[in-house]
Amino acid sequence: MSVTLRHPTTGDIKVLPEGWSWSCCIGSLFLGLPLFHRGLRVWGSAMVVFNIVAAIVALIPTERAERLDGGLTLIGIGLAVFFGFQANRMALDRYLDLGWLYAGQEPKRPGFGRL
């Protein structure tokens, strides 16, 4: 399924997917690149930082670092599942907040439509 949005002033059309996102699920483990593609820069940046920290911890050869790396791996998998479920919804909400409308929805004009 997908959702079609229209920008009220420019008339540009965007088609956004709904539901599960395999690209965000798998891609969030690789620097969060699909999140940037959807315009979710804050989440993408958070995943870049998380992945860099996890990579640095994985290079440290101590037992404590190994335990931390295991925990970070579980957190990373949890975040990947979260983004798989929510990234498309967050991108849709972002566009709606930026003023995009559903394709069939007319912009509201003050003073019109009242008798």
Protein backbone atom coordinates (compact mmCIF):
# COMPACT_ATOMS: atom_id res chain seq x y z
CA MET A 1 0.00 0.00 0.00
CA SER A 2 1.05 3.56 -0.51
CA VAL A 3 -0.09 7.08 0.28
CA THR A 4 -0.14 9.89 -2.27
CA LEU A 5 0.61 13.41 -1.04
CA ARG A 6 0.37 16.73 -2.87
CA HIS A 7 2.13 19.97 -1.98
CA PRO A 8 -0.55 22.69 -1.76
CA THR A 9 1.46 25.48 -3.41
CA THR A 10 3.72 23.74 -5.92
CA GLY A 11 1.40 20.86 -6.79
CA ASP A 12 4.26 18.35 -6.49
CA ILE A 13 3.15 14.76 -5.92
CA LYS A 14 4.89 12.27 -3.60
CA VAL A 15 4.01 8.61 -3.22
CA LEU A 16 5.08 7.18 0.14
CA PRO A 17 4.95 3.51 1.10
CA GLU A 18 3.03 2.31 4.13
CA GLY A 19 3.74 -0.52 6.54
CA TRP A 20 6.92 -2.52 7.01
CA SER A 21 10.14 -1.20 5.47
CA TRP A 22 12.82 -3.79 4.76
CA SER A 23 15.24 -1.12 3.61
CA CYS A 24 14.97 0.76 6.91
CA CYS A 25 15.13 -2.43 8.94
CA ILE A 26 18.31 -3.68 7.32
CA GLY A 27 19.73 -0.30 6.31
CA SER A 28 19.53 1.19 9.81
CA LEU A 29 22.31 -1.21 10.76
CA PHE A 30 24.50 0.38 8.06
CA LEU A 31 24.77 4.01 9.17
CA GLY A 32 21.04 4.66 8.82
CA LEU A 33 21.21 5.65 5.14
CA PRO A 34 17.54 4.84 4.32
CA LEU A 35 16.49 7.12 7.17
CA PHE A 36 18.29 10.04 5.54
CA HIS A 37 16.58 9.15 2.25
CA ARG A 38 13.17 9.49 3.94
CA GLY A 39 14.11 12.87 5.41
CA LEU A 40 14.52 11.56 8.97
CA ARG A 41 17.84 13.30 9.54
CA VAL A 42 17.77 13.21 13.35
CA TRP A 43 17.12 9.46 13.45
CA GLY A 44 19.67 8.88 10.70
CA SER A 45 22.28 10.88 12.62
CA ALA A 46 21.52 8.96 15.80
CA MET A 47 22.07 5.68 13.94
CA VAL A 48 25.37 6.95 12.48
CA VAL A 49 26.61 7.76 15.99
CA PHE A 50 25.31 4.46 17.39
CA ASN A 51 26.96 2.42 14.62
CA ILE A 52 30.29 4.23 15.01
CA VAL A 53 30.28 3.65 18.78
CA ALA A 54 29.37 -0.02 18.26
CA ALA A 55 32.19 -0.43 15.73
CA ILE A 56 34.73 1.14 18.08
CA VAL A 57 33.60 -1.05 20.99
CA ALA A 58 33.89 -4.14 18.78
CA LEU A 59 37.57 -3.34 18.16
CA ILE A 60 38.48 -3.22 21.88
CA PRO A 61 39.91 -6.62 22.94
CA THR A 62 38.68 -6.86 26.55
CA GLU A 63 36.02 -8.99 28.21
CA ARG A 64 34.10 -5.93 29.36
CA ALA A 65 34.05 -4.57 25.80
CA GLU A 66 32.77 -7.93 24.53
CA ARG A 67 29.83 -7.78 26.96
CA LEU A 68 29.13 -4.19 25.92
CA ASP A 69 29.33 -5.19 22.26
CA GLY A 70 26.76 -7.94 22.89
CA GLY A 71 24.41 -5.43 24.50
CA LEU A 72 24.90 -2.93 21.69
CA THR A 73 24.18 -5.67 19.16
CA LEU A 74 20.85 -6.43 20.86
CA ILE A 75 19.99 -2.73 20.98
CA GLY A 76 20.90 -2.40 17.29
CA ILE A 77 18.62 -5.29 16.36
CA GLY A 78 15.81 -3.74 18.40
CA LEU A 79 16.30 -0.40 16.66
CA ALA A 80 16.32 -2.12 13.26
CA VAL A 81 12.96 -3.76 14.01
CA PHE A 82 11.59 -0.43 15.32
CA PHE A 83 12.60 1.38 12.13
CA GLY A 84 11.19 -1.44 10.03
CA PHE A 85 7.80 -0.86 11.63
CA GLN A 86 7.86 2.92 12.07
CA ALA A 87 10.08 4.63 9.46
CA ASN A 88 7.39 4.93 6.79
CA ARG A 89 4.91 6.32 9.32
CA MET A 90 7.49 8.82 10.64
CA ALA A 91 8.26 9.97 7.07
CA LEU A 92 4.54 10.44 6.34
CA ASP A 93 4.10 12.44 9.55
CA ARG A 94 7.10 14.59 8.61
CA TYR A 95 5.64 15.50 5.22
CA LEU A 96 2.24 16.24 6.76
CA ASP A 97 3.94 18.53 9.31
CA LEU A 98 5.69 20.31 6.43
CA GLY A 99 2.30 21.18 4.92
CA TRP A 100 1.81 18.39 2.38
CA LEU A 101 -1.80 17.20 1.99
CA TYR A 102 -3.32 13.89 1.03
CA ALA A 103 -3.86 13.92 -2.74
CA GLY A 104 -7.66 14.06 -2.52
CA GLN A 105 -7.73 16.74 0.17
CA GLU A 106 -8.28 20.37 -0.78
CA PRO A 107 -6.46 23.14 1.10
CA LYS A 108 -8.66 25.11 3.47
CA ARG A 109 -9.20 28.70 2.46
CA PRO A 110 -10.49 31.14 5.07
CA GLY A 111 -13.87 32.62 4.29
CA PHE A 112 -14.80 30.15 1.56
CA GLY A 113 -17.44 27.51 1.95
CA ARG A 114 -19.50 29.47 4.48
CA LEU A 115 -22.86 31.00 3.65
